[in-house]
């Protein structure tokens, strides 16, 4: 491992972090999931600020360790991971690439924005959740709780298959 002679640009560090997978949904990177809130330098220390998908997320320790390992592998010797809980994470922070990766993995991405245009209140309208397998919007919720707290379980009436839906929040 070579020592970094200079501070890599924000975009370079972000590119390296885009290779760090989410441990629960490995087709998503921590960048595509929207967990990276800030990348800054304090002297020779790279400070990465992350926001968990929810405050009790059991994967945050592993995510922090993976971020640290990815940056150390690029020669950044001093890394500090900070956690920011406010503002709370929202699925609105997911990238379009991440939403497409979810769909390709068989998980329906959030079908609506979690926050309205004012950035204050949630939308309360009923939304059709398209099946990630066949594309039909003729689906129904089976359980509001799926394999993780951020997902609900749906079934498609067109193809008959069950699928996870990544709930907007």
Protein backbone atom coordinates (compact mmCIF):
# COMPACT_ATOMS: atom_id res chain seq x y z
CA UNK A 1 0.00 0.00 0.00
CA UNK A 2 1.46 3.36 -1.05
CA UNK A 3 1.04 6.45 1.08
CA UNK A 4 -1.05 9.15 -0.54
CA UNK A 5 1.25 12.08 -1.34
CA UNK A 6 -1.65 14.51 -1.66
CA UNK A 7 -5.28 14.75 -0.72
CA UNK A 8 -7.36 13.04 -3.36
CA UNK A 9 -10.21 15.14 -4.70
CA UNK A 10 -13.71 14.70 -3.30
CA UNK A 11 -14.79 13.07 -6.58
CA UNK A 12 -11.93 10.53 -6.37
CA UNK A 13 -12.78 9.55 -2.80
CA UNK A 14 -16.46 9.28 -3.77
CA UNK A 15 -15.48 7.00 -6.67
CA UNK A 16 -13.56 4.73 -4.31
CA UNK A 17 -16.51 4.64 -1.90
CA UNK A 18 -18.84 3.75 -4.79
CA UNK A 19 -17.10 0.36 -4.78
CA UNK A 20 -18.08 -0.33 -1.14
CA UNK A 21 -21.20 -2.54 -1.16
CA UNK A 22 -24.03 -2.35 1.33
CA UNK A 23 -23.75 -5.56 3.42
CA UNK A 24 -27.52 -6.20 3.35
CA UNK A 25 -28.12 -5.48 -0.35
CA UNK A 26 -24.74 -5.98 -2.05
CA UNK A 27 -25.86 -4.68 -5.46
CA UNK A 28 -26.03 -1.22 -3.84
CA UNK A 29 -22.94 0.74 -2.93
CA UNK A 30 -22.91 2.98 0.11
CA UNK A 31 -22.86 5.89 -2.35
CA UNK A 32 -25.86 4.64 -4.37
CA UNK A 33 -27.78 4.01 -1.16
CA UNK A 34 -27.16 7.63 -0.17
CA UNK A 35 -25.32 6.94 3.07
CA UNK A 36 -22.36 9.25 2.34
CA UNK A 37 -23.22 12.73 3.62
CA UNK A 38 -19.81 14.42 3.42
CA UNK A 39 -16.16 13.86 2.64
CA UNK A 40 -13.73 16.38 4.14
CA UNK A 41 -10.10 16.69 5.10
CA UNK A 42 -8.83 17.74 8.51
CA UNK A 43 -5.08 18.01 8.11
CA UNK A 44 -4.02 14.52 6.93
CA UNK A 45 -7.25 12.83 8.08
CA UNK A 46 -10.01 11.98 5.63
CA UNK A 47 -13.31 12.46 7.45
CA UNK A 48 -16.26 10.59 5.97
CA UNK A 49 -19.67 11.45 7.39
CA UNK A 50 -22.36 8.82 7.01
CA UNK A 51 -26.07 8.68 7.82
CA UNK A 52 -27.56 5.27 8.61
CA UNK A 53 -30.82 4.22 6.99
CA UNK A 54 -32.20 4.24 10.52
CA UNK A 55 -30.56 5.00 13.87
CA UNK A 56 -30.42 1.38 15.00
CA UNK A 57 -29.09 -0.07 11.75
CA UNK A 58 -27.04 -3.16 12.70
CA UNK A 59 -24.88 -2.88 9.57
CA UNK A 60 -23.31 0.51 10.39
CA UNK A 61 -20.30 -0.96 12.17
CA UNK A 62 -19.56 -3.18 9.17
CA UNK A 63 -20.18 -0.30 6.73
CA UNK A 64 -17.78 1.94 8.68
CA UNK A 65 -15.12 -0.79 8.68
CA UNK A 66 -15.58 -1.36 4.93
CA UNK A 67 -15.28 2.37 4.19
CA UNK A 68 -12.13 2.58 6.28
CA UNK A 69 -10.64 -0.50 4.56
CA UNK A 70 -11.44 0.86 1.08
CA UNK A 71 -9.69 4.15 1.79
CA UNK A 72 -6.71 2.50 3.49
CA UNK A 73 -6.35 0.29 0.38
CA UNK A 74 -6.06 3.50 -1.67
CA UNK A 75 -3.24 4.76 0.55
CA UNK A 76 -5.16 7.09 2.80
CA UNK A 77 -3.52 6.43 6.14
CA UNK A 78 -5.81 8.38 8.46
CA UNK A 79 -9.56 7.89 8.20
CA UNK A 80 -12.26 9.00 10.61
CA UNK A 81 -15.88 7.92 10.16
CA UNK A 82 -18.51 10.18 11.71
CA UNK A 83 -22.21 9.37 11.98
CA UNK A 84 -24.81 12.08 11.43
CA UNK A 85 -28.40 11.25 12.40
CA UNK A 86 -29.95 14.58 11.41
CA UNK A 87 -31.37 15.05 8.93
CA UNK A 88 -32.61 11.48 8.95
CA UNK A 89 -31.78 9.34 5.94
CA UNK A 90 -34.42 9.14 3.24
CA UNK A 91 -34.83 6.96 0.18
CA UNK A 92 -34.86 10.23 -1.77
CA UNK A 93 -31.06 10.19 -1.37
CA UNK A 94 -30.71 6.97 -3.38
CA UNK A 95 -29.16 7.43 -6.80
CA UNK A 96 -30.91 6.50 -10.03
CA UNK A 97 -28.17 3.90 -10.55
CA UNK A 98 -29.04 2.42 -7.14
CA UNK A 99 -32.75 2.31 -7.96
CA UNK A 100 -32.00 0.46 -11.21
CA UNK A 101 -29.69 -1.96 -9.37
CA UNK A 102 -32.47 -2.73 -6.86
CA UNK A 103 -34.90 -3.48 -9.66
CA UNK A 104 -32.36 -5.70 -11.43
CA UNK A 105 -31.84 -7.56 -8.15
CA UNK A 106 -35.57 -8.26 -7.88
CA UNK A 107 -36.42 -5.61 -5.28
CA UNK A 108 -38.89 -2.91 -6.31
CA UNK A 109 -37.30 0.49 -5.68
CA UNK A 110 -39.28 3.21 -3.89
CA UNK A 111 -42.18 4.17 -6.15
CA UNK A 112 -42.52 7.69 -4.79
CA UNK A 113 -40.59 10.45 -3.09
CA UNK A 114 -40.58 10.25 0.69
CA UNK A 115 -40.62 14.03 1.06
CA UNK A 116 -42.78 16.49 -0.84
CA UNK A 117 -41.44 19.50 -2.74
CA UNK A 118 -41.29 21.63 0.42
CA UNK A 119 -38.98 19.09 2.06
CA UNK A 120 -41.12 19.03 5.17
CA UNK A 121 -44.02 16.58 4.95
CA UNK A 122 -44.48 13.07 3.69
CA UNK A 123 -46.80 12.23 0.87
CA UNK A 124 -49.76 10.11 1.88
CA UNK A 125 -51.06 9.04 -1.51
CA UNK A 126 -51.50 5.42 -2.49
CA UNK A 127 -48.87 4.37 -5.00
CA UNK A 128 -48.85 1.42 -7.36
CA UNK A 129 -45.70 -0.65 -6.86
CA UNK A 130 -44.57 -2.16 -10.17
CA UNK A 131 -43.29 -5.73 -10.09
CA UNK A 132 -39.51 -5.73 -10.61
CA UNK A 133 -39.79 -9.08 -12.40
CA UNK A 134 -42.47 -8.46 -15.05
CA UNK A 135 -43.22 -4.73 -14.75
CA UNK A 136 -46.93 -5.11 -13.99
CA UNK A 137 -48.49 -2.58 -11.60
CA UNK A 138 -51.17 -5.13 -10.66
CA UNK A 139 -49.57 -5.92 -7.29
CA UNK A 140 -50.65 -6.02 -3.67
CA UNK A 141 -48.97 -5.84 -0.32
CA UNK A 142 -48.75 -9.14 1.57
CA UNK A 143 -46.94 -7.76 4.61
CA UNK A 144 -45.78 -4.26 5.50
CA UNK A 145 -42.68 -5.89 6.96
CA UNK A 146 -40.26 -7.75 4.70
CA UNK A 147 -36.86 -9.36 5.15
CA UNK A 148 -35.54 -6.12 6.67
CA UNK A 149 -37.35 -3.20 8.28
CA UNK A 150 -36.89 -1.06 5.16
CA UNK A 151 -38.79 -3.48 2.93
CA UNK A 152 -42.37 -4.69 2.53
CA UNK A 153 -43.46 -7.95 0.92
CA UNK A 154 -45.64 -7.76 -2.21
CA UNK A 155 -47.10 -10.23 -4.69
CA UNK A 156 -47.63 -9.62 -8.39
CA UNK A 157 -51.02 -10.71 -9.74
CA UNK A 158 -49.69 -10.83 -13.31
CA UNK A 159 -46.75 -13.21 -12.85
CA UNK A 160 -47.72 -14.55 -9.41
CA UNK A 161 -44.29 -13.95 -7.89
CA UNK A 162 -43.65 -12.43 -4.47
CA UNK A 163 -41.11 -9.61 -4.26
CA UNK A 164 -39.63 -7.14 -1.80
CA UNK A 165 -40.46 -3.46 -2.06
CA UNK A 166 -37.93 -0.97 -0.69
CA UNK A 167 -40.30 1.36 1.18
CA UNK A 168 -39.98 5.10 0.73
CA UNK A 169 -38.95 6.75 3.96
